[in-house]
C-alpha atoms as a PDB file:
ATOM      1  CA  UNK A   1      84.127  59.733  93.271  1.00  0.00           C
ATOM      2  CA  UNK A   2      82.164  59.502  89.859  1.00  0.00           C
ATOM      3  CA  UNK A   3      79.213  57.343  88.565  1.00  0.00           C
ATOM      4  CA  UNK A   4      79.674  53.412  88.591  1.00  0.00           C
ATOM      5  CA  UNK A   5      79.413  53.438  84.786  1.00  0.00           C
ATOM      6  CA  UNK A   6      82.479  55.554  84.817  1.00  0.00           C
ATOM      7  CA  UNK A   7      84.432  53.322  87.133  1.00  0.00           C
ATOM      8  CA  UNK A   8      83.281  50.160  85.063  1.00  0.00           C
ATOM      9  CA  UNK A   9      84.621  51.803  81.985  1.00  0.00           C
ATOM     10  CA  UNK A  10      87.836  52.543  83.682  1.00  0.00           C
ATOM     11  CA  UNK A  11      88.404  49.144  84.920  1.00  0.00           C
ATOM     12  CA  UNK A  12      87.793  47.912  81.715  1.00  0.00           C
ATOM     13  CA  UNK A  13      90.600  50.260  80.258  1.00  0.00           C
ATOM     14  CA  UNK A  14      93.064  49.059  82.869  1.00  0.00           C
ATOM     15  CA  UNK A  15      92.400  45.272  81.967  1.00  0.00           C
ATOM     16  CA  UNK A  16      92.513  45.689  78.429  1.00  0.00           C
ATOM     17  CA  UNK A  17      95.785  48.272  78.284  1.00  0.00           C
ATOM     18  CA  UNK A  18      98.870  46.739  79.719  1.00  0.00           C
ATOM     19  CA  UNK A  19     100.543  49.699  80.533  1.00  0.00           C
ATOM     20  CA  UNK A  20      98.072  50.078  83.191  1.00  0.00           C
ATOM     21  CA  UNK A  21      99.391  47.071  84.775  1.00  0.00           C
ATOM     22  CA  UNK A  22     102.419  49.236  85.839  1.00  0.00           C
ATOM     23  CA  UNK A  23     101.713  50.817  89.176  1.00  0.00           C
ATOM     24  CA  UNK A  24     104.144  53.733  88.865  1.00  0.00           C
ATOM     25  CA  UNK A  25     102.268  54.673  85.436  1.00  0.00           C
ATOM     26  CA  UNK A  26      98.980  54.336  87.088  1.00  0.00           C
ATOM     27  CA  UNK A  27      99.780  56.428  90.265  1.00  0.00           C
ATOM     28  CA  UNK A  28     101.316  59.069  87.829  1.00  0.00           C
ATOM     29  CA  UNK A  29      98.732  59.337  85.390  1.00  0.00           C
ATOM     30  CA  UNK A  30      95.473  58.155  87.218  1.00  0.00           C
ATOM     31  CA  UNK A  31      95.140  61.229  89.567  1.00  0.00           C
ATOM     32  CA  UNK A  32      93.220  60.400  92.985  1.00  0.00           C
ATOM     33  CA  UNK A  33      92.477  62.822  95.551  1.00  0.00           C
ATOM     34  CA  UNK A  34      92.098  60.627  99.080  1.00  0.00           C
ATOM     35  CA  UNK A  35      92.785  63.661 101.117  1.00  0.00           C
ATOM     36  CA  UNK A  36      90.526  66.236  99.504  1.00  0.00           C
ATOM     37  CA  UNK A  37      88.318  66.305 102.634  1.00  0.00           C
ATOM     38  CA  UNK A  38      89.840  65.845 106.098  1.00  0.00           C
ATOM     39  CA  UNK A  39      88.019  63.326 107.993  1.00  0.00           C
ATOM     40  CA  UNK A  40      85.694  64.353 110.665  1.00  0.00           C
ATOM     41  CA  UNK A  41      86.828  63.065 114.111  1.00  0.00           C
END
């Protein structure tokens, strides 16, 4: 939900850092908030 530059930078870090290949590490370390806003029906 940030600037595209930030997303590209984090994608590069994921590709370079082998620990980001671990899904569990990513889910536990990279905090995403998909349910921050309830969908409007």
